[in-house]
PDB file of N, CA and C in Angstrom:
ATOM      1  N   MET A   1      -9.886  85.961   9.323  1.00  0.00           N
ATOM      2  CA  MET A   1     -10.228  85.335   8.064  1.00  0.00           C
ATOM      3  C   MET A   1      -9.094  84.395   7.650  1.00  0.00           C
ATOM      4  N   ALA A   2      -9.438  83.254   7.141  1.00  0.00           N
ATOM      5  CA  ALA A   2      -8.450  82.244   6.747  1.00  0.00           C
ATOM      6  C   ALA A   2      -7.671  82.714   5.522  1.00  0.00           C
ATOM      7  N   SER A   3      -6.406  82.361   5.493  1.00  0.00           N
ATOM      8  CA  SER A   3      -5.558  82.721   4.353  1.00  0.00           C
ATOM      9  C   SER A   3      -5.904  81.859   3.141  1.00  0.00           C
ATOM     10  N   LEU A   4      -5.416  82.268   1.990  1.00  0.00           N
ATOM     11  CA  LEU A   4      -5.569  81.503   0.761  1.00  0.00           C
ATOM     12  C   LEU A   4      -5.061  80.077   0.952  1.00  0.00           C
ATOM     13  N   PHE A   5      -3.897  79.935   1.608  1.00  0.00           N
ATOM     14  CA  PHE A   5      -3.321  78.609   1.799  1.00  0.00           C
ATOM     15  C   PHE A   5      -4.161  77.746   2.736  1.00  0.00           C
ATOM     16  N   THR A   6      -4.706  78.346   3.765  1.00  0.00           N
ATOM     17  CA  THR A   6      -5.592  77.599   4.659  1.00  0.00           C
ATOM     18  C   THR A   6      -6.819  77.122   3.898  1.00  0.00           C
ATOM     19  N   LYS A   7      -7.357  77.968   3.035  1.00  0.00           N
ATOM     20  CA  LYS A   7      -8.525  77.583   2.241  1.00  0.00           C
ATOM     21  C   LYS A   7      -8.189  76.436   1.288  1.00  0.00           C
ATOM     22  N   ILE A   8      -6.982  76.442   0.727  1.00  0.00           N
ATOM     23  CA  ILE A   8      -6.561  75.332  -0.123  1.00  0.00           C
ATOM     24  C   ILE A   8      -6.442  74.060   0.716  1.00  0.00           C
ATOM     25  N   HIS A   9      -5.797  74.179   1.870  1.00  0.00           N
ATOM     26  CA  HIS A   9      -5.616  73.010   2.741  1.00  0.00           C
ATOM     27  C   HIS A   9      -6.952  72.420   3.172  1.00  0.00           C
ATOM     28  N   GLN A  10      -7.930  73.270   3.410  1.00  0.00           N
ATOM     29  CA  GLN A  10      -9.247  72.809   3.851  1.00  0.00           C
ATOM     30  C   GLN A  10     -10.149  72.383   2.693  1.00  0.00           C
ATOM     31  N   GLY A  11      -9.655  72.494   1.457  1.00  0.00           N
ATOM     32  CA  GLY A  11     -10.421  72.063   0.303  1.00  0.00           C
ATOM     33  C   GLY A  11     -11.429  73.067  -0.212  1.00  0.00           C
ATOM     34  N   GLU A  12     -11.404  74.295   0.308  1.00  0.00           N
ATOM     35  CA  GLU A  12     -12.338  75.327  -0.143  1.00  0.00           C
ATOM     36  C   GLU A  12     -11.933  75.899  -1.502  1.00  0.00           C
ATOM     37  N   ILE A  13     -10.631  75.869  -1.788  1.00  0.00           N
ATOM     38  CA  ILE A  13     -10.077  76.366  -3.047  1.00  0.00           C
ATOM     39  C   ILE A  13      -9.209  75.237  -3.598  1.00  0.00           C
ATOM     40  N   PRO A  14      -9.268  74.979  -4.909  1.00  0.00           N
ATOM     41  CA  PRO A  14      -8.436  73.904  -5.451  1.00  0.00           C
ATOM     42  C   PRO A  14      -6.948  74.233  -5.394  1.00  0.00           C
ATOM     43  N   GLY A  15      -6.170  73.201  -5.212  1.00  0.00           N
ATOM     44  CA  GLY A  15      -4.719  73.310  -5.216  1.00  0.00           C
ATOM     45  C   GLY A  15      -4.146  71.909  -5.318  1.00  0.00           C
ATOM     46  N   GLU A  16      -3.020  71.776  -5.983  1.00  0.00           N
ATOM     47  CA  GLU A  16      -2.415  70.461  -6.168  1.00  0.00           C
ATOM     48  C   GLU A  16      -1.468  70.164  -5.012  1.00  0.00           C
ATOM     49  N   ILE A  17      -2.007  69.577  -3.958  1.00  0.00           N
ATOM     50  CA  ILE A  17      -1.216  69.232  -2.778  1.00  0.00           C
ATOM     51  C   ILE A  17      -0.407  67.978  -3.093  1.00  0.00           C
ATOM     52  N   ILE A  18       0.910  68.073  -2.885  1.00  0.00           N
ATOM     53  CA  ILE A  18       1.798  66.948  -3.201  1.00  0.00           C
ATOM     54  C   ILE A  18       2.348  66.275  -1.950  1.00  0.00           C
ATOM     55  N   TYR A  19       2.132  66.896  -0.786  1.00  0.00           N
ATOM     56  CA  TYR A  19       2.631  66.343   0.481  1.00  0.00           C
ATOM     57  C   TYR A  19       1.776  66.923   1.597  1.00  0.00           C
ATOM     58  N   GLN A  20       1.587  66.128   2.656  1.00  0.00           N
ATOM     59  CA  GLN A  20       0.842  66.614   3.815  1.00  0.00           C
ATOM     60  C   GLN A  20       1.201  65.776   5.032  1.00  0.00           C
ATOM     61  N   ASP A  21       1.355  66.433   6.166  1.00  0.00           N
ATOM     62  CA  ASP A  21       1.500  65.750   7.449  1.00  0.00           C
ATOM     63  C   ASP A  21       0.753  66.575   8.489  1.00  0.00           C
ATOM     64  N   ASP A  22       0.990  66.337   9.759  1.00  0.00           N
ATOM     65  CA  ASP A  22       0.232  67.049  10.786  1.00  0.00           C
ATOM     66  C   ASP A  22       0.748  68.452  11.075  1.00  0.00           C
ATOM     67  N   VAL A  23       1.864  68.858  10.459  1.00  0.00           N
ATOM     68  CA  VAL A  23       2.456  70.176  10.698  1.00  0.00           C
ATOM     69  C   VAL A  23       2.368  71.070   9.470  1.00  0.00           C
ATOM     70  N   CYS A  24       2.506  70.477   8.285  1.00  0.00           N
ATOM     71  CA  CYS A  24       2.576  71.290   7.073  1.00  0.00           C
ATOM     72  C   CYS A  24       2.036  70.525   5.872  1.00  0.00           C
ATOM     73  N   PHE A  25       1.972  71.233   4.768  1.00  0.00           N
ATOM     74  CA  PHE A  25       1.617  70.625   3.494  1.00  0.00           C
ATOM     75  C   PHE A  25       2.408  71.338   2.407  1.00  0.00           C
ATOM     76  N   ALA A  26       2.487  70.706   1.250  1.00  0.00           N
ATOM     77  CA  ALA A  26       3.206  71.294   0.124  1.00  0.00           C
ATOM     78  C   ALA A  26       2.337  71.186  -1.114  1.00  0.00           C
ATOM     79  N   LEU A  27       2.447  72.182  -1.960  1.00  0.00           N
ATOM     80  CA  LEU A  27       1.685  72.173  -3.191  1.00  0.00           C
ATOM     81  C   LEU A  27       2.498  72.759  -4.323  1.00  0.00           C
ATOM     82  N   LYS A  28       2.039  72.496  -5.540  1.00  0.00           N
ATOM     83  CA  LYS A  28       2.678  73.081  -6.714  1.00  0.00           C
ATOM     84  C   LYS A  28       2.279  74.547  -6.796  1.00  0.00           C
ATOM     85  N   ASP A  29       3.242  75.401  -7.106  1.00  0.00           N
ATOM     86  CA  ASP A  29       2.971  76.831  -7.278  1.00  0.00           C
ATOM     87  C   ASP A  29       2.163  77.027  -8.564  1.00  0.00           C
ATOM     88  N   ILE A  30       1.135  77.866  -8.510  1.00  0.00           N
ATOM     89  CA  ILE A  30       0.305  78.074  -9.699  1.00  0.00           C
ATOM     90  C   ILE A  30       0.961  79.015 -10.715  1.00  0.00           C
ATOM     91  N   HIS A  31       2.009  79.718 -10.308  1.00  0.00           N
ATOM     92  CA  HIS A  31       2.777  80.578 -11.214  1.00  0.00           C
ATOM     93  C   HIS A  31       4.252  80.200 -11.099  1.00  0.00           C
ATOM     94  N   PRO A  32       4.624  79.015 -11.584  1.00  0.00           N
ATOM     95  CA  PRO A  32       5.988  78.523 -11.368  1.00  0.00           C
ATOM     96  C   PRO A  32       7.057  79.413 -11.997  1.00  0.00           C
ATOM     97  N   GLN A  33       8.133  79.582 -11.231  1.00  0.00           N
ATOM     98  CA  GLN A  33       9.279  80.360 -11.673  1.00  0.00           C
ATOM     99  C   GLN A  33      10.455  79.468 -12.059  1.00  0.00           C
ATOM    100  N   ALA A  34      10.236  78.163 -12.035  1.00  0.00           N
ATOM    101  CA  ALA A  34      11.239  77.164 -12.405  1.00  0.00           C
ATOM    102  C   ALA A  34      10.467  75.911 -12.809  1.00  0.00           C
ATOM    103  N   PRO A  35      11.121  74.978 -13.519  1.00  0.00           N
ATOM    104  CA  PRO A  35      10.425  73.746 -13.886  1.00  0.00           C
ATOM    105  C   PRO A  35       9.832  73.000 -12.694  1.00  0.00           C
ATOM    106  N   HIS A  36      10.508  73.067 -11.564  1.00  0.00           N
ATOM    107  CA  HIS A  36       9.986  72.516 -10.314  1.00  0.00           C
ATOM    108  C   HIS A  36       9.835  73.686  -9.345  1.00  0.00           C
ATOM    109  N   HIS A  37       8.604  73.995  -8.951  1.00  0.00           N
ATOM    110  CA  HIS A  37       8.341  75.102  -8.025  1.00  0.00           C
ATOM    111  C   HIS A  37       7.203  74.680  -7.104  1.00  0.00           C
ATOM    112  N   TYR A  38       7.571  74.464  -5.850  1.00  0.00           N
ATOM    113  CA  TYR A  38       6.628  73.987  -4.842  1.00  0.00           C
ATOM    114  C   TYR A  38       6.646  74.936  -3.649  1.00  0.00           C
ATOM    115  N   LEU A  39       5.565  74.943  -2.910  1.00  0.00           N
ATOM    116  CA  LEU A  39       5.455  75.743  -1.695  1.00  0.00           C
ATOM    117  C   LEU A  39       5.282  74.805  -0.515  1.00  0.00           C
ATOM    118  N   ILE A  40       6.076  75.029   0.533  1.00  0.00           N
ATOM    119  CA  ILE A  40       5.949  74.265   1.774  1.00  0.00           C
ATOM    120  C   ILE A  40       5.341  75.227   2.790  1.00  0.00           C
ATOM    121  N   ILE A  41       4.196  74.845   3.361  1.00  0.00           N
ATOM    122  CA  ILE A  41       3.368  75.775   4.126  1.00  0.00           C
ATOM    123  C   ILE A  41       2.980  75.147   5.465  1.00  0.00           C
ATOM    124  N   PRO A  42       3.193  75.866   6.563  1.00  0.00           N
ATOM    125  CA  PRO A  42       2.726  75.322   7.843  1.00  0.00           C
ATOM    126  C   PRO A  42       1.199  75.394   7.909  1.00  0.00           C
ATOM    127  N   ILE A  43       0.603  74.407   8.537  1.00  0.00           N
ATOM    128  CA  ILE A  43      -0.851  74.438   8.724  1.00  0.00           C
ATOM    129  C   ILE A  43      -1.212  75.609   9.633  1.00  0.00           C
ATOM    130  N   GLN A  44      -0.426  75.810  10.686  1.00  0.00           N
ATOM    131  CA  GLN A  44      -0.646  76.955  11.574  1.00  0.00           C
ATOM    132  C   GLN A  44      -0.344  78.233  10.800  1.00  0.00           C
ATOM    133  N   GLU A  45      -1.242  79.174  10.838  1.00  0.00           N
ATOM    134  CA  GLU A  45      -1.025  80.423  10.117  1.00  0.00           C
ATOM    135  C   GLU A  45      -0.024  81.298  10.871  1.00  0.00           C
ATOM    136  N   ILE A  46       1.134  81.459  10.266  1.00  0.00           N
ATOM    137  CA  ILE A  46       2.174  82.382  10.728  1.00  0.00           C
ATOM    138  C   ILE A  46       2.365  83.343   9.572  1.00  0.00           C
ATOM    139  N   LYS A  47       2.258  84.624   9.807  1.00  0.00           N
ATOM    140  CA  LYS A  47       2.282  85.606   8.723  1.00  0.00           C
ATOM    141  C   LYS A  47       3.574  85.542   7.908  1.00  0.00           C
ATOM    142  N   SER A  48       4.717  85.497   8.563  1.00  0.00           N
ATOM    143  CA  SER A  48       6.027  85.425   7.896  1.00  0.00           C
ATOM    144  C   SER A  48       7.069  85.059   8.943  1.00  0.00           C
ATOM    145  N   ILE A  49       8.290  84.852   8.496  1.00  0.00           N
ATOM    146  CA  ILE A  49       9.388  84.589   9.432  1.00  0.00           C
ATOM    147  C   ILE A  49       9.490  85.723  10.451  1.00  0.00           C
ATOM    148  N   ALA A  50       9.264  86.939  10.005  1.00  0.00           N
ATOM    149  CA  ALA A  50       9.350  88.092  10.907  1.00  0.00           C
ATOM    150  C   ALA A  50       8.328  88.017  12.031  1.00  0.00           C
ATOM    151  N   ASP A  51       7.237  87.310  11.810  1.00  0.00           N
ATOM    152  CA  ASP A  51       6.176  87.186  12.812  1.00  0.00           C
ATOM    153  C   ASP A  51       6.253  85.900  13.611  1.00  0.00           C
ATOM    154  N   ALA A  52       7.196  85.024  13.263  1.00  0.00           N
ATOM    155  CA  ALA A  52       7.341  83.757  13.986  1.00  0.00           C
ATOM    156  C   ALA A  52       7.804  84.024  15.418  1.00  0.00           C
ATOM    157  N   GLN A  53       7.351  83.183  16.307  1.00  0.00           N
ATOM    158  CA  GLN A  53       7.724  83.269  17.717  1.00  0.00           C
ATOM    159  C   GLN A  53       8.790  82.216  18.021  1.00  0.00           C
ATOM    160  N   ASP A  54       9.505  82.391  19.111  1.00  0.00           N
ATOM    161  CA  ASP A  54      10.482  81.384  19.520  1.00  0.00           C
ATOM    162  C   ASP A  54       9.817  80.017  19.670  1.00  0.00           C
ATOM    163  N   SER A  55       8.568  80.008  20.074  1.00  0.00           N
ATOM    164  CA  SER A  55       7.842  78.747  20.262  1.00  0.00           C
ATOM    165  C   SER A  55       7.527  78.049  18.932  1.00  0.00           C
ATOM    166  N   ASP A  56       7.745  78.723  17.811  1.00  0.00           N
ATOM    167  CA  ASP A  56       7.507  78.138  16.493  1.00  0.00           C
ATOM    168  C   ASP A  56       8.726  77.417  15.926  1.00  0.00           C
ATOM    169  N   LYS A  57       9.806  77.324  16.706  1.00  0.00           N
ATOM    170  CA  LYS A  57      11.051  76.789  16.143  1.00  0.00           C
ATOM    171  C   LYS A  57      10.908  75.359  15.641  1.00  0.00           C
ATOM    172  N   GLU A  58      10.100  74.535  16.265  1.00  0.00           N
ATOM    173  CA  GLU A  58       9.921  73.162  15.776  1.00  0.00           C
ATOM    174  C   GLU A  58       9.200  73.159  14.432  1.00  0.00           C
ATOM    175  N   ILE A  59       8.218  74.014  14.265  1.00  0.00           N
ATOM    176  CA  ILE A  59       7.514  74.131  12.980  1.00  0.00           C
ATOM    177  C   ILE A  59       8.491  74.600  11.907  1.00  0.00           C
ATOM    178  N   LEU A  60       9.266  75.634  12.213  1.00  0.00           N
ATOM    179  CA  LEU A  60      10.201  76.189  11.234  1.00  0.00           C
ATOM    180  C   LEU A  60      11.239  75.161  10.812  1.00  0.00           C
ATOM    181  N   GLY A  61      11.775  74.428  11.759  1.00  0.00           N
ATOM    182  CA  GLY A  61      12.736  73.379  11.436  1.00  0.00           C
ATOM    183  C   GLY A  61      12.094  72.276  10.607  1.00  0.00           C
ATOM    184  N   HIS A  62      10.870  71.936  10.952  1.00  0.00           N
ATOM    185  CA  HIS A  62      10.141  70.899  10.222  1.00  0.00           C
ATOM    186  C   HIS A  62       9.959  71.296   8.758  1.00  0.00           C
ATOM    187  N   LEU A  63       9.632  72.562   8.506  1.00  0.00           N
ATOM    188  CA  LEU A  63       9.449  73.033   7.130  1.00  0.00           C
ATOM    189  C   LEU A  63      10.716  72.812   6.307  1.00  0.00           C
ATOM    190  N   LEU A  64      11.864  73.110   6.890  1.00  0.00           N
ATOM    191  CA  LEU A  64      13.128  72.929   6.163  1.00  0.00           C
ATOM    192  C   LEU A  64      13.414  71.453   5.897  1.00  0.00           C
ATOM    193  N   LEU A  65      13.124  70.597   6.850  1.00  0.00           N
ATOM    194  CA  LEU A  65      13.357  69.169   6.643  1.00  0.00           C
ATOM    195  C   LEU A  65      12.406  68.591   5.592  1.00  0.00           C
ATOM    196  N   VAL A  66      11.184  69.069   5.568  1.00  0.00           N
ATOM    197  CA  VAL A  66      10.241  68.640   4.530  1.00  0.00           C
ATOM    198  C   VAL A  66      10.725  69.132   3.170  1.00  0.00           C
ATOM    199  N   ALA A  67      11.206  70.369   3.101  1.00  0.00           N
ATOM    200  CA  ALA A  67      11.747  70.890   1.840  1.00  0.00           C
ATOM    201  C   ALA A  67      12.909  70.022   1.369  1.00  0.00           C
ATOM    202  N   ARG A  68      13.792  69.651   2.292  1.00  0.00           N
ATOM    203  CA  ARG A  68      14.918  68.773   1.951  1.00  0.00           C
ATOM    204  C   ARG A  68      14.424  67.448   1.393  1.00  0.00           C
ATOM    205  N   ASP A  69      13.456  66.837   2.063  1.00  0.00           N
ATOM    206  CA  ASP A  69      12.952  65.540   1.641  1.00  0.00           C
ATOM    207  C   ASP A  69      12.237  65.614   0.285  1.00  0.00           C
ATOM    208  N   LEU A  70      11.475  66.675   0.069  1.00  0.00           N
ATOM    209  CA  LEU A  70      10.821  66.848  -1.230  1.00  0.00           C
ATOM    210  C   LEU A  70      11.855  67.022  -2.334  1.00  0.00           C
ATOM    211  N   ALA A  71      12.895  67.794  -2.056  1.00  0.00           N
ATOM    212  CA  ALA A  71      13.952  67.990  -3.054  1.00  0.00           C
ATOM    213  C   ALA A  71      14.637  66.668  -3.379  1.00  0.00           C
ATOM    214  N   LYS A  72      14.895  65.852  -2.373  1.00  0.00           N
ATOM    215  CA  LYS A  72      15.504  64.542  -2.619  1.00  0.00           C
ATOM    216  C   LYS A  72      14.611  63.680  -3.505  1.00  0.00           C
ATOM    217  N   ARG A  73      13.317  63.748  -3.277  1.00  0.00           N
ATOM    218  CA  ARG A  73      12.370  62.916  -4.032  1.00  0.00           C
ATOM    219  C   ARG A  73      12.111  63.473  -5.429  1.00  0.00           C
ATOM    220  N   LEU A  74      11.941  64.792  -5.543  1.00  0.00           N
ATOM    221  CA  LEU A  74      11.519  65.393  -6.800  1.00  0.00           C
ATOM    222  C   LEU A  74      12.675  65.887  -7.671  1.00  0.00           C
ATOM    223  N   LEU A  75      13.825  66.127  -7.051  1.00  0.00           N
ATOM    224  CA  LEU A  75      15.001  66.644  -7.765  1.00  0.00           C
ATOM    225  C   LEU A  75      16.244  65.844  -7.387  1.00  0.00           C
ATOM    226  N   PRO A  76      16.198  64.533  -7.506  1.00  0.00           N
ATOM    227  CA  PRO A  76      17.329  63.731  -7.017  1.00  0.00           C
ATOM    228  C   PRO A  76      18.652  64.113  -7.683  1.00  0.00           C
ATOM    229  N   GLY A  77      19.646  64.383  -6.829  1.00  0.00           N
ATOM    230  CA  GLY A  77      20.974  64.712  -7.320  1.00  0.00           C
ATOM    231  C   GLY A  77      21.108  66.079  -7.959  1.00  0.00           C
ATOM    232  N   ARG A  78      20.088  66.907  -7.860  1.00  0.00           N
ATOM    233  CA  ARG A  78      20.111  68.230  -8.492  1.00  0.00           C
ATOM    234  C   ARG A  78      20.158  69.311  -7.419  1.00  0.00           C
ATOM    235  N   GLY A  79      20.661  70.462  -7.808  1.00  0.00           N
ATOM    236  CA  GLY A  79      20.642  71.611  -6.916  1.00  0.00           C
ATOM    237  C   GLY A  79      19.249  72.226  -6.877  1.00  0.00           C
ATOM    238  N   TYR A  80      19.006  73.003  -5.855  1.00  0.00           N
ATOM    239  CA  TYR A  80      17.719  73.671  -5.709  1.00  0.00           C
ATOM    240  C   TYR A  80      17.890  74.902  -4.826  1.00  0.00           C
ATOM    241  N   ARG A  81      16.869  75.723  -4.798  1.00  0.00           N
ATOM    242  CA  ARG A  81      16.886  76.931  -3.989  1.00  0.00           C
ATOM    243  C   ARG A  81      15.651  76.954  -3.102  1.00  0.00           C
ATOM    244  N   LEU A  82      15.843  77.409  -1.860  1.00  0.00           N
ATOM    245  CA  LEU A  82      14.744  77.646  -0.927  1.00  0.00           C
ATOM    246  C   LEU A  82      14.652  79.144  -0.701  1.00  0.00           C
ATOM    247  N   VAL A  83      13.430  79.679  -0.784  1.00  0.00           N
ATOM    248  CA  VAL A  83      13.219  81.124  -0.646  1.00  0.00           C
ATOM    249  C   VAL A  83      11.985  81.360   0.200  1.00  0.00           C
ATOM    250  N   THR A  84      12.052  82.360   1.058  1.00  0.00           N
ATOM    251  CA  THR A  84      10.838  82.865   1.690  1.00  0.00           C
ATOM    252  C   THR A  84      10.879  84.390   1.591  1.00  0.00           C
ATOM    253  N   ASN A  85       9.775  84.961   1.145  1.00  0.00           N
ATOM    254  CA  ASN A  85       9.668  86.416   1.014  1.00  0.00           C
ATOM    255  C   ASN A  85       9.011  86.954   2.281  1.00  0.00           C
ATOM    256  N   ILE A  86       9.538  88.064   2.765  1.00  0.00           N
ATOM    257  CA  ILE A  86       9.052  88.627   4.026  1.00  0.00           C
ATOM    258  C   ILE A  86       8.646  90.073   3.791  1.00  0.00           C
ATOM    259  N   GLY A  87       7.356  90.303   3.673  1.00  0.00           N
ATOM    260  CA  GLY A  87       6.825  91.640   3.449  1.00  0.00           C
ATOM    261  C   GLY A  87       6.615  91.943   1.971  1.00  0.00           C
ATOM    262  N   GLU A  88       5.746  92.909   1.719  1.00  0.00           N
ATOM    263  CA  GLU A  88       5.410  93.292   0.346  1.00  0.00           C
ATOM    264  C   GLU A  88       6.634  93.720  -0.458  1.00  0.00           C
ATOM    265  N   GLU A  89       7.516  94.479   0.145  1.00  0.00           N
ATOM    266  CA  GLU A  89       8.703  94.980  -0.562  1.00  0.00           C
ATOM    267  C   GLU A  89       9.584  93.837  -1.068  1.00  0.00           C
ATOM    268  N   ALA A  90       9.528  92.698  -0.379  1.00  0.00           N
ATOM    269  CA  ALA A  90      10.316  91.529  -0.781  1.00  0.00           C
ATOM    270  C   ALA A  90       9.538  90.610  -1.718  1.00  0.00           C
ATOM    271  N   GLY A  91       8.299  90.960  -2.040  1.00  0.00           N
ATOM    272  CA  GLY A  91       7.516  90.166  -2.967  1.00  0.00           C
ATOM    273  C   GLY A  91       6.512  89.227  -2.330  1.00  0.00           C
ATOM    274  N   GLN A  92       6.308  89.323  -1.017  1.00  0.00           N
ATOM    275  CA  GLN A  92       5.318  88.452  -0.378  1.00  0.00           C
ATOM    276  C   GLN A  92       3.923  88.910  -0.785  1.00  0.00           C
ATOM    277  N   THR A  93       3.133  87.994  -1.334  1.00  0.00           N
ATOM    278  CA  THR A  93       1.768  88.329  -1.757  1.00  0.00           C
ATOM    279  C   THR A  93       0.707  87.598  -0.945  1.00  0.00           C
ATOM    280  N   VAL A  94       1.078  86.464  -0.351  1.00  0.00           N
ATOM    281  CA  VAL A  94       0.171  85.745   0.549  1.00  0.00           C
ATOM    282  C   VAL A  94       0.809  85.797   1.931  1.00  0.00           C
ATOM    283  N   PHE A  95       0.110  86.377   2.877  1.00  0.00           N
ATOM    284  CA  PHE A  95       0.682  86.593   4.204  1.00  0.00           C
ATOM    285  C   PHE A  95       0.381  85.421   5.133  1.00  0.00           C
ATOM    286  N   HIS A  96       0.892  84.287   4.710  1.00  0.00           N
ATOM    287  CA  HIS A  96       0.901  83.026   5.452  1.00  0.00           C
ATOM    288  C   HIS A  96       2.241  82.420   5.061  1.00  0.00           C
ATOM    289  N   LEU A  97       3.133  82.289   6.027  1.00  0.00           N
ATOM    290  CA  LEU A  97       4.486  81.811   5.774  1.00  0.00           C
ATOM    291  C   LEU A  97       4.507  80.639   4.813  1.00  0.00           C
ATOM    292  N   HIS A  98       5.420  80.688   3.858  1.00  0.00           N
ATOM    293  CA  HIS A  98       5.623  79.577   2.935  1.00  0.00           C
ATOM    294  C   HIS A  98       7.049  79.638   2.408  1.00  0.00           C
ATOM    295  N   ILE A  99       7.590  78.463   2.158  1.00  0.00           N
ATOM    296  CA  ILE A  99       8.935  78.348   1.615  1.00  0.00           C
ATOM    297  C   ILE A  99       8.811  77.856   0.184  1.00  0.00           C
ATOM    298  N   HIS A 100       9.414  78.599  -0.728  1.00  0.00           N
ATOM    299  CA  HIS A 100       9.457  78.188  -2.127  1.00  0.00           C
ATOM    300  C   HIS A 100      10.612  77.212  -2.309  1.00  0.00           C
ATOM    301  N   LEU A 101      10.340  76.097  -2.940  1.00  0.00           N
ATOM    302  CA  LEU A 101      11.360  75.141  -3.354  1.00  0.00           C
ATOM    303  C   LEU A 101      11.414  75.225  -4.875  1.00  0.00           C
ATOM    304  N   LEU A 102      12.545  75.708  -5.401  1.00  0.00           N
ATOM    305  CA  LEU A 102      12.712  75.906  -6.836  1.00  0.00           C
ATOM    306  C   LEU A 102      13.864  75.067  -7.343  1.00  0.00           C
ATOM    307  N   GLY A 103      13.662  74.413  -8.475  1.00  0.00           N
ATOM    308  CA  GLY A 103      14.733  73.617  -9.063  1.00  0.00           C
ATOM    309  C   GLY A 103      14.409  73.246 -10.496  1.00  0.00           C
ATOM    310  N   GLY A 104      15.322  72.499 -11.093  1.00  0.00           N
ATOM    311  CA  GLY A 104      15.122  72.052 -12.457  1.00  0.00           C
ATOM    312  C   GLY A 104      15.730  72.959 -13.502  1.00  0.00           C
ATOM    313  N   ARG A 105      16.427  73.988 -13.066  1.00  0.00           N
ATOM    314  CA  ARG A 105      17.158  74.869 -13.972  1.00  0.00           C
ATOM    315  C   ARG A 105      18.299  75.502 -13.190  1.00  0.00           C
ATOM    316  N   GLU A 106      19.241  76.083 -13.897  1.00  0.00           N
ATOM    317  CA  GLU A 106      20.337  76.770 -13.226  1.00  0.00           C
ATOM    318  C   GLU A 106      19.811  78.050 -12.599  1.00  0.00           C
ATOM    319  N   MET A 107      20.154  78.268 -11.355  1.00  0.00           N
ATOM    320  CA  MET A 107      19.739  79.476 -10.639  1.00  0.00           C
ATOM    321  C   MET A 107      20.810  80.552 -10.821  1.00  0.00           C
ATOM    322  N   GLN A 108      20.362  81.782 -10.928  1.00  0.00           N
ATOM    323  CA  GLN A 108      21.266  82.920 -11.105  1.00  0.00           C
ATOM    324  C   GLN A 108      21.499  83.627  -9.778  1.00  0.00           C
ATOM    325  N   TRP A 109      22.592  84.372  -9.700  1.00  0.00           N
ATOM    326  CA  TRP A 109      22.887  85.178  -8.521  1.00  0.00           C
ATOM    327  C   TRP A 109      23.376  86.535  -8.991  1.00  0.00           C
ATOM    328  N   PRO A 110      22.929  87.634  -8.449  1.00  0.00           N
ATOM    329  CA  PRO A 110      21.974  87.705  -7.328  1.00  0.00           C
ATOM    330  C   PRO A 110      20.559  87.363  -7.784  1.00  0.00           C
ATOM    331  N   PRO A 111      19.749  86.891  -6.844  1.00  0.00           N
ATOM    332  CA  PRO A 111      18.420  86.412  -7.192  1.00  0.00           C
ATOM    333  C   PRO A 111      17.404  87.528  -7.458  1.00  0.00           C
ATOM    334  N   GLY A 112      17.590  88.696  -6.838  1.00  0.00           N
ATOM    335  CA  GLY A 112      16.565  89.734  -6.909  1.00  0.00           C
ATOM    336  C   GLY A 112      16.642  90.562  -8.128  1.00  0.00           C
TER     337      GLY A 112
END
């Protein structure tokens, strides 16, 4: 069964897609935790980083570069945080790998 993110990408469920290429897409988070909160999602369904294969390294690297480019465009000159949750205990609710790009406010540490 297709994940929530796949359904958004395919237009079955609405979502505000702000970026798309042949490897991934990005959308605004529907429950933002910062003034700027976006999700960078591979088109290929990978459950989480823990489930990624060595053969996925180009996809994984691409996600980080897209996150960097989005941050440059949407948060110029500002700091930001990249997060991925792995497993329910870590707060993962959609089991399709995604990277949160958060910015627009001061981030606290520790994050959890």
